[in-house]
Protein backbone atom coordinates (compact mmCIF):
# COMPACT_ATOMS: atom_id res chain seq x y z
CA SER A 1 0.03 0.06 -0.04
CA ILE A 2 1.01 3.76 -0.66
CA TRP A 3 -0.47 6.74 0.61
CA PHE A 4 0.23 10.45 1.59
CA PRO A 5 -0.30 11.31 5.41
CA THR A 6 -2.02 14.63 4.36
CA PRO A 7 -4.66 15.47 1.94
CA VAL A 8 -3.51 18.04 -0.39
CA ARG A 9 -0.29 18.05 -2.63
CA ARG A 10 1.19 21.63 -3.46
CA VAL A 11 4.03 22.69 -5.91
CA GLY A 12 7.35 23.21 -4.00
CA LYS A 13 6.30 21.36 -1.02
CA THR A 14 8.47 18.17 0.17
CA GLU A 15 6.40 15.01 0.27
CA ASN A 16 6.98 12.13 2.23
CA ILE A 17 4.73 9.24 0.71
CA LYS A 18 4.26 6.28 3.05
CA ILE A 19 4.74 2.78 1.78
CA ARG A 20 3.74 -0.42 3.53
CA ILE A 21 5.15 -3.77 2.53
CA VAL A 22 3.76 -7.18 3.79
CA ASN A 23 6.22 -10.18 3.64
CA ARG A 24 3.95 -13.32 3.57
CA SER A 25 7.23 -15.49 3.23
CA ASN A 26 9.03 -17.32 5.98
CA GLU A 27 12.14 -15.45 5.27
CA TYR A 28 13.70 -12.31 6.57
CA LEU A 29 14.23 -9.64 3.80
CA ASP A 30 16.98 -7.06 4.08
CA ASP A 31 17.93 -4.31 1.93
CA VAL A 32 15.40 -4.81 -0.84
CA PRO A 33 15.53 -1.98 -3.43
CA MET A 34 12.86 0.40 -3.94
CA SER A 35 12.21 3.02 -6.47
CA LEU A 36 9.69 5.91 -7.17
CA PHE A 37 8.87 7.19 -10.70
CA MET A 38 6.87 10.22 -11.70
CA ASN A 39 5.71 9.80 -15.33
CA ASP A 40 8.43 7.24 -15.97
CA GLU A 41 11.12 9.31 -14.46
CA LYS A 42 12.96 8.13 -11.32
CA ARG A 43 12.52 10.68 -8.40
CA ALA A 44 13.30 8.71 -5.42
CA ILE A 45 15.15 5.41 -4.23
CA GLY A 46 15.48 3.62 -1.07
CA SER A 47 15.44 0.20 0.62
CA PHE A 48 13.81 -1.76 3.37
CA ALA A 49 13.95 -4.70 5.70
CA VAL A 50 11.07 -6.84 6.69
CA ASP A 51 10.90 -9.76 9.28
CA ALA A 52 9.08 -13.12 8.12
CA ASN A 53 5.37 -12.98 7.97
CA ALA A 54 5.59 -9.31 9.09
CA THR A 55 4.61 -5.80 8.15
CA VAL A 56 6.86 -2.83 7.79
CA ASP A 57 6.24 0.86 7.02
CA THR A 58 8.63 3.20 5.34
CA ALA A 59 8.61 6.37 3.28
CA LEU A 60 10.20 7.97 0.09
CA SER A 61 10.59 11.79 -0.19
CA PHE A 62 10.38 13.94 -3.25
CA ILE A 63 9.17 17.56 -4.26
CA HIS A 64 6.48 18.21 -6.72
CA GLU A 65 8.06 20.95 -9.12
CA THR A 66 5.07 21.69 -11.22
CA ALA A 67 1.07 21.59 -10.91
CA GLY A 68 -1.55 19.28 -12.66
CA LEU A 69 -2.63 15.60 -12.67
CA LYS A 70 0.29 13.19 -11.70
CA GLY A 71 0.83 9.65 -11.91
CA ILE A 72 3.50 7.88 -9.72
CA LYS A 73 4.66 4.36 -9.48
CA VAL A 74 6.41 2.98 -6.49
CA GLU A 75 8.35 -0.32 -7.39
CA ILE A 76 10.42 -2.99 -5.49
CA ASP A 77 12.79 -5.39 -6.83
CA ASP A 78 12.24 -8.72 -4.87
CA TYR A 79 14.21 -11.27 -7.31
CA PRO A 80 13.17 -13.96 -8.60
CA ILE A 81 9.81 -12.75 -8.25
CA ASN A 82 9.52 -10.54 -11.12
CA TYR A 83 5.73 -9.63 -11.41
CA ASP A 84 3.37 -7.55 -9.23
CA ASP A 85 6.15 -5.52 -8.09
CA ALA A 86 4.67 -1.93 -8.77
CA TYR A 87 1.81 0.41 -6.97
CA TYR A 88 0.35 3.04 -9.02
CA LEU A 89 -1.29 6.24 -7.68
CA GLY A 90 -3.00 9.13 -9.53
CA TYR A 91 -3.67 12.78 -7.94
CA HIS A 92 -3.64 16.25 -8.47
CA VAL A 93 -1.04 18.77 -7.32
CA HIS A 94 -2.26 22.35 -6.88
CA GLU A 95 -0.27 25.38 -7.76
CA ARG A 96 -2.77 27.53 -5.19
CA LEU A 97 -5.41 26.33 -2.90
CA SER A 98 -8.79 28.19 -3.30
CA VAL A 99 -10.46 29.03 -0.05
CA LEU A 100 -13.76 30.61 0.37
CA SER A 101 -15.10 31.93 4.02
CA ILE A 102 -18.81 32.43 4.31
CA ASN A 103 -19.48 35.07 6.88
CA SER A 104 -22.65 36.09 8.68
CA PRO A 105 -23.74 39.80 8.48
CA GLU A 106 -23.03 40.10 12.27
CA ASN A 107 -19.46 38.58 11.95
CA ASN A 108 -18.49 39.69 8.65
CA LYS A 109 -15.78 42.05 10.15
CA LYS A 110 -14.68 39.15 12.55
CA ASN A 111 -13.00 37.07 9.84
CA PHE A 112 -10.43 35.24 11.88
CA PRO A 113 -9.88 32.91 8.99
CA ALA A 114 -8.51 35.74 6.74
CA SER A 115 -5.64 36.37 9.19
CA VAL A 116 -4.39 32.87 8.40
CA TYR A 117 -4.99 32.52 4.72
CA SER A 118 -4.71 36.01 3.23
CA VAL A 119 -1.00 36.41 4.52
CA ASP A 120 -0.02 32.95 2.62
CA SER A 121 0.68 33.42 -1.04
CA THR A 122 0.02 29.57 -1.42
CA TYR A 123 -3.81 30.36 -0.96
CA ALA A 124 -6.35 32.34 -3.06
CA PHE A 125 -8.63 33.42 -0.26
CA THR A 126 -12.13 35.03 -0.86
CA SER A 127 -14.70 36.13 1.85
CA SER A 128 -18.06 36.63 1.38
CA ASN A 129 -21.16 37.87 3.09
CA LEU A 130 -23.94 35.08 3.24
CA GLY A 131 -26.40 37.48 2.13
CA SER A 132 -24.40 38.39 -1.11
CA LEU A 133 -22.89 34.93 -1.77
CA ASP A 134 -23.10 33.71 -5.28
CA TYR A 135 -23.65 29.83 -4.68
CA ALA A 136 -22.44 29.17 -8.06
CA THR A 137 -18.78 30.08 -6.79
CA ILE A 138 -18.74 27.53 -4.09
CA LYS A 139 -17.62 24.70 -6.43
CA LYS A 140 -14.71 26.46 -7.68
CA ASN A 141 -13.04 26.36 -4.16
CA ASP A 142 -11.05 23.51 -2.51
CA LEU A 143 -12.06 24.58 1.12
CA VAL A 144 -15.12 26.47 2.19
CA LEU A 145 -15.50 27.66 5.87
CA LEU A 146 -18.79 28.28 7.51
CA ASN A 147 -17.57 31.14 9.78
CA GLU A 148 -20.01 31.72 12.60
CA ILE A 149 -23.28 31.88 10.53
CA LYS A 150 -26.31 31.10 12.86
CA SER A 151 -28.15 28.92 10.32
CA ILE A 152 -28.02 27.31 6.84
CA PRO A 153 -30.30 28.23 4.35
CA GLY A 154 -31.60 25.22 2.25
CA GLY A 155 -30.24 26.33 -0.98
CA LEU A 156 -26.70 26.85 0.81
CA ALA A 157 -27.11 23.19 2.36
CA ARG A 158 -27.83 21.63 -1.06
CA GLU A 159 -24.68 23.32 -2.72
CA LEU A 160 -22.24 22.33 0.01
CA LYS A 161 -23.62 18.84 0.15
CA SER A 162 -22.83 18.55 -3.58
CA PHE A 163 -19.60 20.34 -2.79
CA VAL A 164 -18.52 17.89 -0.21
CA GLU A 165 -19.80 14.69 -2.31
CA THR A 166 -17.39 15.79 -5.24
CA GLY A 167 -14.34 16.15 -3.01
CA GLY A 168 -14.32 19.60 -1.56
CA SER A 169 -13.46 20.08 2.01
CA LEU A 170 -15.99 21.91 4.36
CA TRP A 171 -14.92 23.50 7.73
CA VAL A 172 -17.67 24.61 10.03
CA ILE A 173 -16.94 26.90 12.76
CA PRO A 174 -20.33 27.45 14.46
CA ALA A 175 -21.82 30.63 16.12
CA PRO A 176 -22.39 30.70 19.73
CA ASP A 177 -26.26 30.95 19.20
CA ILE A 178 -26.69 28.39 16.15
CA ASP A 179 -29.87 26.85 15.07
CA ARG A 180 -29.10 23.26 16.25
CA THR A 181 -32.03 21.76 14.53
CA GLN A 182 -31.00 23.19 11.03
CA TYR A 183 -27.51 22.67 11.55
CA ASN A 184 -27.80 18.91 12.81
CA ALA A 185 -30.11 18.22 10.04
CA PHE A 186 -27.38 19.38 7.49
CA LEU A 187 -24.67 17.40 9.10
CA SER A 188 -26.41 14.28 9.43
CA GLN A 189 -26.43 14.42 5.35
CA LEU A 190 -22.67 14.45 5.45
CA ASN A 191 -22.20 11.79 8.31
CA ALA A 192 -20.57 14.57 10.39
CA GLY A 193 -22.03 14.30 13.79
CA ALA A 194 -24.16 16.52 15.69
CA TYR A 195 -24.05 19.51 17.98
CA LEU A 196 -25.37 19.10 21.53
CA GLU A 197 -26.57 21.56 24.00
CA LYS A 198 -24.18 24.22 24.62
CA VAL A 199 -22.30 23.92 28.07
CA GLU A 200 -20.53 26.86 29.64
CA GLN A 201 -17.31 26.43 31.79
CA ASP A 202 -13.81 27.00 32.06
CA VAL A 203 -11.50 24.42 30.34
CA LYS A 204 -7.74 24.46 30.56
CA VAL A 205 -5.71 23.70 27.62
CA SER A 206 -3.66 20.68 28.53
CA SER A 207 -1.39 20.19 25.71
CA ILE A 208 -0.55 21.16 22.00
CA ASN A 209 -0.48 18.78 19.47
CA ALA A 210 2.62 20.15 17.57
CA GLU A 211 2.59 17.14 15.04
CA SER A 212 -0.89 17.98 13.92
CA PRO A 213 -0.95 19.03 10.14
CA LEU A 214 -2.59 22.18 11.34
CA TYR A 215 0.41 23.26 13.10
CA ARG A 216 3.02 22.26 10.37
CA ASP A 217 5.73 25.07 10.19
CA VAL A 218 4.12 27.04 12.79
CA PHE A 219 6.41 26.26 15.73
CA GLU A 220 10.17 26.36 15.77
CA SER A 221 10.13 24.70 19.16
CA VAL A 222 7.57 24.26 22.06
CA PRO A 223 8.94 25.01 25.56
CA ARG A 224 8.79 22.30 27.98
CA ASN A 225 6.83 24.43 30.75
CA LEU A 226 4.49 26.36 28.27
CA ASP A 227 1.92 28.41 30.06
CA LEU A 228 -1.18 27.19 28.12
CA PRO A 229 -4.44 29.17 28.23
CA THR A 230 -7.82 28.73 29.65
CA ALA A 231 -10.83 28.89 27.28
CA LYS A 232 -14.02 30.10 28.71
């Protein structure tokens, strides 16, 4: 098996493609050659070892130099077995990622996502008030944010459902006073759980998961005795 640990491929970013090899023989295998090809051009090489009747995970690193559709092949050399040695994967590499933030009229000026996405040239960020949103523009984006809107109109719900079903990503940031019935009816169509009744209490942040893709390239280091905040 081969897979990427993160969902989006971008130009100029180092990729670490994960590779899982299963050894169903009774022999220990050592220093088995492995190669990665992109459009028949060798882009990375490596090797692996795996115990008898065991599984091992490894990785190969490379950089996407151009955008567009890509086809790669990861191939092993386990002589004398010279068939079924390649695994193929096709995907799309983005030049820039298109992000749309849909804001409520009350929170149109409180657009926190803009402070993240508008300062990074790898994103094409657009912000729109719910009342003036052209639903036809939704499908042109890679990520859509529902930024603290209280309710989801039926037309918007249908467009977002279609957007998600065709591969788009949706990020929901709920308003404090959402219409839970309407939200949950929409989320149920996406198998995305539900919001329960709001509970107000102080919560101490216990730790930061610096390994999360959300924080990639954010921290140079995390102090051991970090004074973490309390959320109200």
